[in-house]
Amino acid sequence: MKYLDDATSLDGLQLLHFRTQLHSAPLTGLVPMRGNVTLPARILENSSSEQVVKMHLFSSAIRDFWVEPATGSVVSAAERQLKYLATSPGGSPSLTVFEGTMRSDEQTVMKLIKKSHEARQEIALLRTDAPVIASIAAAVTLAFGAWRLPPIWQRGRTS
């Protein structure tokens, strides 16, 4: 995953933009047709040849994530996918099966922003109120322990 920028701001939140690229991978064994297709060469080459060509299904994608840095929550995501048929793993796409971009919709982004605001408030409480409460509890415990201990000058006496 690669950091790109922090230029995006939504509803007062500064977001960090990350990208990951999934390089071309064969889908053999992952789809019902096992990722292998046999097609007439004329479909691919615009010729009248009756030969058949064995093709393999491949997939690649680029994923973008926008992350709120204080909580680490993903606020928005987008993915560009390309699924194509090619004769070899390193080969160029001969026939595109699917090419498209999927994004988080506005309603989902707004829900995630709201949750991120709530998480930021909880973190702020943990940073400020929790240490104060813990300090007060420690002081009360120390005072109670000191009160319960007999004074030092009474420890040495025997009755």
N, C-alpha and C. Protein backbone atom coordinates (compact mmCIF):
# COMPACT_ATOMS: atom_id res chain seq x y z
N MET A 1 0.85 -1.16 0.00
CA MET A 1 0.00 0.00 0.00
C MET A 1 0.90 1.23 0.00
N LYS A 2 0.51 2.20 -0.79
CA LYS A 2 1.34 3.39 -0.97
C LYS A 2 0.55 4.64 -0.56
N TYR A 3 1.18 5.50 0.25
CA TYR A 3 0.58 6.76 0.65
C TYR A 3 0.66 7.73 -0.53
N LEU A 4 -0.47 8.40 -0.85
CA LEU A 4 -0.46 9.34 -1.96
C LEU A 4 -0.49 10.80 -1.50
N ASP A 5 -1.51 11.17 -0.69
CA ASP A 5 -1.61 12.57 -0.27
C ASP A 5 -2.59 12.71 0.89
N ASP A 6 -2.72 13.97 1.37
CA ASP A 6 -3.69 14.28 2.41
C ASP A 6 -4.55 15.47 1.98
N ALA A 7 -4.81 15.56 0.69
CA ALA A 7 -5.52 16.70 0.12
C ALA A 7 -7.04 16.62 0.27
N THR A 8 -7.56 15.48 0.69
CA THR A 8 -9.01 15.31 0.78
C THR A 8 -9.51 15.66 2.18
N SER A 9 -10.60 16.43 2.21
CA SER A 9 -11.22 16.79 3.48
C SER A 9 -12.73 16.62 3.32
N LEU A 10 -13.33 15.88 4.24
CA LEU A 10 -14.78 15.66 4.22
C LEU A 10 -15.36 15.95 5.59
N ASP A 11 -16.35 16.81 5.65
CA ASP A 11 -17.05 17.13 6.89
C ASP A 11 -16.08 17.48 8.03
N GLY A 12 -15.06 18.24 7.70
CA GLY A 12 -14.10 18.68 8.71
C GLY A 12 -13.00 17.67 9.03
N LEU A 13 -13.02 16.52 8.40
CA LEU A 13 -11.98 15.50 8.64
C LEU A 13 -10.95 15.56 7.53
N GLN A 14 -9.69 15.66 7.89
CA GLN A 14 -8.60 15.58 6.93
C GLN A 14 -8.33 14.10 6.70
N LEU A 15 -8.37 13.64 5.46
CA LEU A 15 -8.21 12.22 5.15
C LEU A 15 -6.90 11.95 4.43
N LEU A 16 -6.31 10.81 4.75
CA LEU A 16 -5.10 10.36 4.07
C LEU A 16 -5.51 9.42 2.95
N HIS A 17 -4.88 9.57 1.78
CA HIS A 17 -5.22 8.77 0.60
C HIS A 17 -4.13 7.72 0.37
N PHE A 18 -4.54 6.46 0.35
CA PHE A 18 -3.63 5.35 0.09
C PHE A 18 -4.09 4.60 -1.15
N ARG A 19 -3.14 3.97 -1.84
CA ARG A 19 -3.48 3.19 -3.04
C ARG A 19 -2.68 1.89 -3.03
N THR A 20 -3.35 0.86 -3.45
CA THR A 20 -2.69 -0.41 -3.66
C THR A 20 -3.06 -0.93 -5.04
N GLN A 21 -2.10 -1.53 -5.71
CA GLN A 21 -2.34 -2.06 -7.04
C GLN A 21 -2.19 -3.57 -7.01
N LEU A 22 -3.22 -4.25 -7.47
CA LEU A 22 -3.19 -5.70 -7.59
C LEU A 22 -2.86 -6.02 -9.03
N HIS A 23 -1.67 -6.50 -9.24
CA HIS A 23 -1.21 -6.78 -10.60
C HIS A 23 -1.96 -7.97 -11.17
N SER A 24 -1.89 -8.09 -12.45
CA SER A 24 -2.62 -9.13 -13.17
C SER A 24 -2.39 -10.52 -12.57
N ALA A 25 -3.50 -11.19 -12.25
CA ALA A 25 -3.44 -12.52 -11.65
C ALA A 25 -4.43 -13.43 -12.37
N PRO A 26 -4.05 -14.67 -12.59
CA PRO A 26 -4.98 -15.60 -13.26
C PRO A 26 -6.11 -16.00 -12.32
N LEU A 27 -7.28 -16.16 -12.88
CA LEU A 27 -8.44 -16.59 -12.09
C LEU A 27 -8.71 -18.08 -12.29
N THR A 28 -7.74 -18.80 -12.78
CA THR A 28 -7.88 -20.23 -12.98
C THR A 28 -8.20 -20.90 -11.66
N GLY A 29 -9.25 -21.69 -11.64
CA GLY A 29 -9.65 -22.40 -10.43
C GLY A 29 -10.58 -21.61 -9.54
N LEU A 30 -10.80 -20.33 -9.82
CA LEU A 30 -11.66 -19.51 -8.97
C LEU A 30 -13.05 -19.29 -9.56
N VAL A 31 -13.21 -19.59 -10.82
CA VAL A 31 -14.50 -19.38 -11.48
C VAL A 31 -14.98 -20.71 -12.05
N PRO A 32 -16.28 -20.85 -12.28
CA PRO A 32 -16.81 -22.15 -12.73
C PRO A 32 -16.14 -22.72 -13.98
N MET A 33 -15.74 -21.86 -14.90
CA MET A 33 -15.11 -22.37 -16.13
C MET A 33 -13.61 -22.59 -15.94
N ARG A 34 -13.15 -22.50 -14.71
CA ARG A 34 -11.74 -22.69 -14.36
C ARG A 34 -10.82 -21.65 -15.00
N GLY A 35 -11.39 -20.56 -15.47
CA GLY A 35 -10.58 -19.48 -16.02
C GLY A 35 -10.04 -19.74 -17.40
N ASN A 36 -10.44 -20.84 -18.02
CA ASN A 36 -9.96 -21.18 -19.37
C ASN A 36 -11.12 -21.14 -20.36
N VAL A 37 -10.88 -20.52 -21.50
CA VAL A 37 -11.90 -20.41 -22.54
C VAL A 37 -11.24 -20.70 -23.88
N THR A 38 -11.95 -21.39 -24.74
CA THR A 38 -11.47 -21.62 -26.10
C THR A 38 -12.37 -20.83 -27.04
N LEU A 39 -11.77 -19.93 -27.80
CA LEU A 39 -12.52 -19.06 -28.70
C LEU A 39 -12.01 -19.19 -30.13
N PRO A 40 -12.88 -18.97 -31.11
CA PRO A 40 -12.41 -18.94 -32.50
C PRO A 40 -11.47 -17.75 -32.71
N ALA A 41 -10.41 -17.97 -33.45
CA ALA A 41 -9.41 -16.93 -33.68
C ALA A 41 -10.02 -15.73 -34.41
N ARG A 42 -11.05 -15.95 -35.19
CA ARG A 42 -11.65 -14.84 -35.96
C ARG A 42 -12.26 -13.77 -35.04
N ILE A 43 -12.67 -14.14 -33.83
CA ILE A 43 -13.23 -13.16 -32.89
C ILE A 43 -12.14 -12.20 -32.43
N LEU A 44 -10.95 -12.73 -32.25
CA LEU A 44 -9.85 -11.92 -31.73
C LEU A 44 -9.08 -11.18 -32.81
N GLU A 45 -8.96 -11.77 -33.96
CA GLU A 45 -8.08 -11.20 -34.99
C GLU A 45 -8.84 -10.60 -36.16
N ASN A 46 -10.15 -10.63 -36.13
CA ASN A 46 -10.97 -10.14 -37.25
C ASN A 46 -10.57 -10.80 -38.56
N SER A 47 -10.36 -12.10 -38.52
CA SER A 47 -10.00 -12.84 -39.73
C SER A 47 -11.04 -13.94 -39.94
N SER A 48 -10.89 -14.65 -41.03
CA SER A 48 -11.83 -15.74 -41.32
C SER A 48 -11.24 -17.09 -40.93
N SER A 49 -10.18 -17.08 -40.17
CA SER A 49 -9.51 -18.31 -39.76
C SER A 49 -10.43 -19.15 -38.88
N GLU A 50 -10.38 -20.46 -39.06
CA GLU A 50 -11.20 -21.38 -38.26
C GLU A 50 -10.42 -21.96 -37.07
N GLN A 51 -9.24 -21.47 -36.83
CA GLN A 51 -8.46 -21.95 -35.70
C GLN A 51 -9.11 -21.51 -34.40
N VAL A 52 -8.78 -22.24 -33.34
CA VAL A 52 -9.26 -21.85 -32.02
C VAL A 52 -8.08 -21.42 -31.16
N VAL A 53 -8.34 -20.52 -30.25
CA VAL A 53 -7.30 -19.99 -29.38
C VAL A 53 -7.73 -20.25 -27.94
N LYS A 54 -6.80 -20.82 -27.16
CA LYS A 54 -7.09 -21.05 -25.74
C LYS A 54 -6.73 -19.78 -24.98
N MET A 55 -7.73 -19.26 -24.25
CA MET A 55 -7.55 -18.01 -23.51
C MET A 55 -7.69 -18.30 -22.02
N HIS A 56 -7.08 -17.45 -21.21
CA HIS A 56 -7.14 -17.56 -19.76
C HIS A 56 -7.71 -16.25 -19.21
N LEU A 57 -8.50 -16.36 -18.14
CA LEU A 57 -9.11 -15.19 -17.52
C LEU A 57 -8.16 -14.62 -16.47
N PHE A 58 -7.92 -13.31 -16.56
CA PHE A 58 -7.04 -12.61 -15.63
C PHE A 58 -7.78 -11.43 -15.01
N SER A 59 -7.29 -11.01 -13.86
CA SER A 59 -7.90 -9.88 -13.17
C SER A 59 -6.81 -8.98 -12.60
N SER A 60 -7.05 -7.68 -12.66
CA SER A 60 -6.17 -6.71 -12.01
C SER A 60 -7.06 -5.62 -11.42
N ALA A 61 -6.52 -4.92 -10.44
CA ALA A 61 -7.31 -3.88 -9.78
C ALA A 61 -6.41 -2.83 -9.16
N ILE A 62 -6.97 -1.64 -9.01
CA ILE A 62 -6.33 -0.56 -8.28
C ILE A 62 -7.33 -0.14 -7.21
N ARG A 63 -6.91 -0.18 -5.96
CA ARG A 63 -7.79 0.16 -4.83
C ARG A 63 -7.30 1.43 -4.16
N ASP A 64 -8.23 2.35 -3.95
CA ASP A 64 -7.94 3.60 -3.24
C ASP A 64 -8.72 3.61 -1.94
N PHE A 65 -8.04 4.04 -0.87
CA PHE A 65 -8.65 4.14 0.46
C PHE A 65 -8.40 5.53 1.01
N TRP A 66 -9.44 6.12 1.62
CA TRP A 66 -9.29 7.40 2.31
C TRP A 66 -9.49 7.12 3.79
N VAL A 67 -8.44 7.38 4.58
CA VAL A 67 -8.39 6.98 5.98
C VAL A 67 -8.32 8.21 6.88
N GLU A 68 -9.12 8.19 7.95
CA GLU A 68 -9.07 9.25 8.95
C GLU A 68 -7.91 8.91 9.88
N PRO A 69 -6.89 9.77 9.99
CA PRO A 69 -5.66 9.39 10.69
C PRO A 69 -5.75 9.20 12.20
N ALA A 70 -6.62 9.92 12.89
CA ALA A 70 -6.67 9.80 14.35
C ALA A 70 -7.21 8.44 14.79
N THR A 71 -8.18 7.93 14.05
CA THR A 71 -8.80 6.65 14.43
C THR A 71 -8.33 5.50 13.56
N GLY A 72 -7.81 5.80 12.38
CA GLY A 72 -7.39 4.75 11.45
C GLY A 72 -8.56 4.13 10.71
N SER A 73 -9.72 4.76 10.78
CA SER A 73 -10.89 4.19 10.12
C SER A 73 -10.93 4.58 8.64
N VAL A 74 -11.34 3.61 7.82
CA VAL A 74 -11.51 3.85 6.38
C VAL A 74 -12.84 4.56 6.20
N VAL A 75 -12.80 5.75 5.60
CA VAL A 75 -14.00 6.55 5.42
C VAL A 75 -14.60 6.37 4.03
N SER A 76 -13.75 6.11 3.05
CA SER A 76 -14.22 5.93 1.68
C SER A 76 -13.25 5.00 0.95
N ALA A 77 -13.78 4.33 -0.07
CA ALA A 77 -12.94 3.42 -0.86
C ALA A 77 -13.44 3.40 -2.30
N ALA A 78 -12.53 3.13 -3.20
CA ALA A 78 -12.87 2.97 -4.62
C ALA A 78 -11.98 1.88 -5.19
N GLU A 79 -12.51 1.16 -6.15
CA GLU A 79 -11.72 0.09 -6.79
C GLU A 79 -12.00 0.09 -8.29
N ARG A 80 -10.91 0.16 -9.06
CA ARG A 80 -11.00 0.02 -10.51
C ARG A 80 -10.59 -1.40 -10.86
N GLN A 81 -11.48 -2.14 -11.49
CA GLN A 81 -11.21 -3.53 -11.84
C GLN A 81 -11.13 -3.71 -13.34
N LEU A 82 -10.28 -4.63 -13.73
CA LEU A 82 -10.18 -5.05 -15.12
C LEU A 82 -10.09 -6.56 -15.14
N LYS A 83 -11.03 -7.19 -15.81
CA LYS A 83 -11.00 -8.64 -16.01
C LYS A 83 -10.94 -8.85 -17.51
N TYR A 84 -9.98 -9.67 -17.93
CA TYR A 84 -9.77 -9.83 -19.37
C TYR A 84 -9.31 -11.23 -19.71
N LEU A 85 -9.45 -11.57 -20.98
CA LEU A 85 -8.95 -12.84 -21.51
C LEU A 85 -7.65 -12.56 -22.25
N ALA A 86 -6.66 -13.42 -22.01
CA ALA A 86 -5.37 -13.30 -22.70
C ALA A 86 -4.82 -14.70 -22.91
N THR A 87 -3.88 -14.82 -23.82
CA THR A 87 -3.31 -16.13 -24.13
C THR A 87 -2.23 -16.55 -23.14
N SER A 88 -1.60 -15.57 -22.48
CA SER A 88 -0.55 -15.90 -21.51
C SER A 88 -0.58 -14.89 -20.37
N PRO A 89 0.00 -15.26 -19.21
CA PRO A 89 -0.01 -14.35 -18.05
C PRO A 89 0.59 -12.98 -18.34
N GLY A 90 1.66 -12.93 -19.08
CA GLY A 90 2.31 -11.65 -19.38
C GLY A 90 1.73 -10.96 -20.59
N GLY A 91 0.81 -11.63 -21.26
CA GLY A 91 0.25 -11.09 -22.50
C GLY A 91 -0.68 -9.92 -22.27
N SER A 92 -0.85 -9.15 -23.31
CA SER A 92 -1.76 -8.01 -23.20
C SER A 92 -3.20 -8.51 -23.31
N PRO A 93 -4.14 -7.75 -22.76
CA PRO A 93 -5.54 -8.16 -22.83
C PRO A 93 -6.01 -8.30 -24.27
N SER A 94 -6.50 -9.49 -24.60
CA SER A 94 -7.02 -9.71 -25.95
C SER A 94 -8.50 -9.37 -26.03
N LEU A 95 -9.22 -9.64 -24.94
CA LEU A 95 -10.66 -9.40 -24.91
C LEU A 95 -11.05 -8.98 -23.50
N THR A 96 -11.57 -7.76 -23.36
CA THR A 96 -11.98 -7.26 -22.05
C THR A 96 -13.32 -7.86 -21.68
N VAL A 97 -13.38 -8.48 -20.49
CA VAL A 97 -14.61 -9.08 -20.00
C VAL A 97 -15.36 -8.09 -19.12
N PHE A 98 -14.63 -7.36 -18.26
CA PHE A 98 -15.22 -6.36 -17.38
C PHE A 98 -14.20 -5.28 -17.10
N GLU A 99 -14.65 -4.05 -17.18
CA GLU A 99 -13.81 -2.92 -16.78
C GLU A 99 -14.74 -1.90 -16.14
N GLY A 100 -14.46 -1.57 -14.89
CA GLY A 100 -15.33 -0.63 -14.21
C GLY A 100 -14.75 -0.17 -12.88
N THR A 101 -15.39 0.85 -12.32
CA THR A 101 -14.98 1.40 -11.03
C THR A 101 -16.14 1.32 -10.06
N MET A 102 -15.84 0.80 -8.87
CA MET A 102 -16.83 0.74 -7.80
C MET A 102 -16.38 1.69 -6.70
N ARG A 103 -17.32 2.45 -6.16
CA ARG A 103 -17.01 3.44 -5.13
C ARG A 103 -17.99 3.31 -3.97
N SER A 104 -17.56 3.79 -2.82
CA SER A 104 -18.46 3.89 -1.68
C SER A 104 -19.52 4.94 -2.02
N ASP A 105 -20.78 4.64 -1.75
CA ASP A 105 -21.82 5.62 -2.04
C ASP A 105 -21.85 6.70 -0.95
N GLU A 106 -22.54 7.79 -1.24
CA GLU A 106 -22.57 8.96 -0.35
C GLU A 106 -23.13 8.61 1.03
N GLN A 107 -24.16 7.78 1.07
CA GLN A 107 -24.78 7.40 2.35
C GLN A 107 -23.79 6.63 3.23
N THR A 108 -23.06 5.70 2.62
CA THR A 108 -22.06 4.93 3.37
C THR A 108 -20.94 5.83 3.88
N VAL A 109 -20.46 6.72 3.04
CA VAL A 109 -19.40 7.64 3.44
C VAL A 109 -19.86 8.50 4.62
N MET A 110 -21.09 9.00 4.57
CA MET A 110 -21.60 9.83 5.67
C MET A 110 -21.71 9.04 6.97
N LYS A 111 -22.15 7.79 6.90
CA LYS A 111 -22.21 6.94 8.10
C LYS A 111 -20.81 6.72 8.67
N LEU A 112 -19.85 6.47 7.80
CA LEU A 112 -18.48 6.23 8.26
C LEU A 112 -17.85 7.49 8.84
N ILE A 113 -18.19 8.65 8.28
CA ILE A 113 -17.70 9.91 8.83
C ILE A 113 -18.27 10.13 10.22
N LYS A 114 -19.56 9.85 10.39
CA LYS A 114 -20.20 10.00 11.71
C LYS A 114 -19.53 9.07 12.73
N LYS A 115 -19.28 7.83 12.35
CA LYS A 115 -18.60 6.89 13.26
C LYS A 115 -17.19 7.36 13.57
N SER A 116 -16.52 7.94 12.62
CA SER A 116 -15.17 8.45 12.84
C SER A 116 -15.18 9.61 13.82
N HIS A 117 -16.17 10.52 13.69
CA HIS A 117 -16.30 11.62 14.65
C HIS A 117 -16.53 11.07 16.06
N GLU A 118 -17.40 10.06 16.19
CA GLU A 118 -17.67 9.45 17.50
C GLU A 118 -16.41 8.81 18.07
N ALA A 119 -15.67 8.12 17.23
CA ALA A 119 -14.43 7.47 17.69
C ALA A 119 -13.41 8.51 18.14
N ARG A 120 -13.33 9.63 17.43
CA ARG A 120 -12.40 10.69 17.83
C ARG A 120 -12.77 11.23 19.21
N GLN A 121 -14.08 11.38 19.48
CA GLN A 121 -14.52 11.86 20.79
C GLN A 121 -14.17 10.86 21.88
N GLU A 122 -14.33 9.57 21.59
CA GLU A 122 -13.97 8.54 22.58
C GLU A 122 -12.47 8.56 22.86
N ILE A 123 -11.68 8.72 21.83
CA ILE A 123 -10.22 8.78 22.01
C ILE A 123 -9.85 10.00 22.85
N ALA A 124 -10.51 11.14 22.58
CA ALA A 124 -10.24 12.34 23.36
C ALA A 124 -10.58 12.13 24.83
N LEU A 125 -11.69 11.44 25.09
CA LEU A 125 -12.06 11.14 26.48
C LEU A 125 -11.01 10.26 27.15
N LEU A 126 -10.53 9.28 26.42
CA LEU A 126 -9.52 8.39 26.98
C LEU A 126 -8.21 9.12 27.26
N ARG A 127 -7.93 10.13 26.46
CA ARG A 127 -6.69 10.89 26.65
C ARG A 127 -6.78 11.88 27.80
N THR A 128 -7.96 12.42 28.08
CA THR A 128 -8.08 13.46 29.10
C THR A 128 -8.78 12.98 30.36
N ASP A 129 -9.99 12.51 30.24
CA ASP A 129 -10.78 12.15 31.41
C ASP A 129 -10.28 10.88 32.11
N ALA A 130 -9.89 9.88 31.36
CA ALA A 130 -9.45 8.62 31.98
C ALA A 130 -8.23 8.82 32.88
N PRO A 131 -7.19 9.54 32.47
CA PRO A 131 -6.06 9.75 33.38
C PRO A 131 -6.44 10.53 34.64
N VAL A 132 -7.34 11.50 34.51
CA VAL A 132 -7.77 12.27 35.68
C VAL A 132 -8.51 11.36 36.65
N ILE A 133 -9.43 10.57 36.15
CA ILE A 133 -10.20 9.64 37.00
C ILE A 133 -9.27 8.62 37.64
N ALA A 134 -8.31 8.11 36.89
CA ALA A 134 -7.36 7.13 37.43
C ALA A 134 -6.50 7.78 38.52
N SER A 135 -6.10 9.03 38.34
CA SER A 135 -5.30 9.73 39.35
C SER A 135 -6.09 9.93 40.64
N ILE A 136 -7.35 10.31 40.51
CA ILE A 136 -8.20 10.51 41.69
C ILE A 136 -8.40 9.17 42.42
N ALA A 137 -8.65 8.12 41.67
CA ALA A 137 -8.82 6.80 42.28
C ALA A 137 -7.54 6.36 42.99
N ALA A 138 -6.39 6.63 42.38
CA ALA A 138 -5.13 6.26 43.01
C ALA A 138 -4.92 7.05 44.30
N ALA A 139 -5.23 8.33 44.29
CA ALA A 139 -5.07 9.16 45.50
C ALA A 139 -6.00 8.69 46.62
N VAL A 140 -7.24 8.37 46.28
CA VAL A 140 -8.19 7.87 47.29
C VAL A 140 -7.70 6.55 47.86
N THR A 141 -7.22 5.66 47.01
CA THR A 141 -6.70 4.37 47.46
C THR A 141 -5.49 4.56 48.36
N LEU A 142 -4.60 5.46 48.01
CA LEU A 142 -3.42 5.74 48.82
C LEU A 142 -3.83 6.31 50.18
N ALA A 143 -4.78 7.23 50.18
CA ALA A 143 -5.24 7.83 51.45
C ALA A 143 -5.90 6.76 52.32
N PHE A 144 -6.71 5.90 51.73
CA PHE A 144 -7.36 4.83 52.49
C PHE A 144 -6.32 3.87 53.07
N GLY A 145 -5.33 3.51 52.28
CA GLY A 145 -4.27 2.62 52.76
C GLY A 145 -3.48 3.24 53.89
N ALA A 146 -3.18 4.55 53.79
CA ALA A 146 -2.45 5.24 54.85
C ALA A 146 -3.29 5.32 56.12
N TRP A 147 -4.57 5.51 56.00
CA TRP A 147 -5.47 5.59 57.15
C TRP A 147 -5.59 4.24 57.85
N ARG A 148 -5.58 3.16 57.09
CA ARG A 148 -5.73 1.83 57.65
C ARG A 148 -4.45 1.32 58.34
N LEU A 149 -3.32 1.83 57.96
CA LEU A 149 -2.06 1.41 58.59
C LEU A 149 -1.95 2.05 59.98
N PRO A 150 -1.54 1.31 60.95
CA PRO A 150 -1.34 1.93 62.27
C PRO A 150 -0.12 2.85 62.21
N PRO A 151 -0.12 3.89 63.00
CA PRO A 151 1.03 4.79 63.02
C PRO A 151 2.31 4.02 63.33
N ILE A 152 3.42 4.51 62.83
CA ILE A 152 4.71 3.84 62.98
C ILE A 152 5.09 3.67 64.44
N TRP A 153 4.84 4.68 65.32
CA TRP A 153 5.25 4.60 66.73
C TRP A 153 4.45 3.54 67.51
N GLN A 154 3.29 3.13 66.97
CA GLN A 154 2.51 2.11 67.66
C GLN A 154 2.92 0.69 67.25
N ARG A 155 3.64 0.54 66.20
CA ARG A 155 4.01 -0.79 65.73
C ARG A 155 5.03 -1.45 66.67
N GLY A 156 5.92 -0.68 67.22
CA GLY A 156 6.96 -1.24 68.06
C GLY A 156 6.50 -1.59 69.45
N ARG A 157 5.40 -1.09 69.94
CA ARG A 157 4.91 -1.35 71.30
C ARG A 157 4.23 -2.69 71.38
N THR A 158 4.41 -3.26 72.48
CA THR A 158 3.68 -4.50 72.77
C THR A 158 2.87 -4.28 74.02
N SER A 159 1.69 -4.75 74.07
CA SER A 159 0.83 -4.52 75.23
C SER A 159 0.87 -5.64 76.19
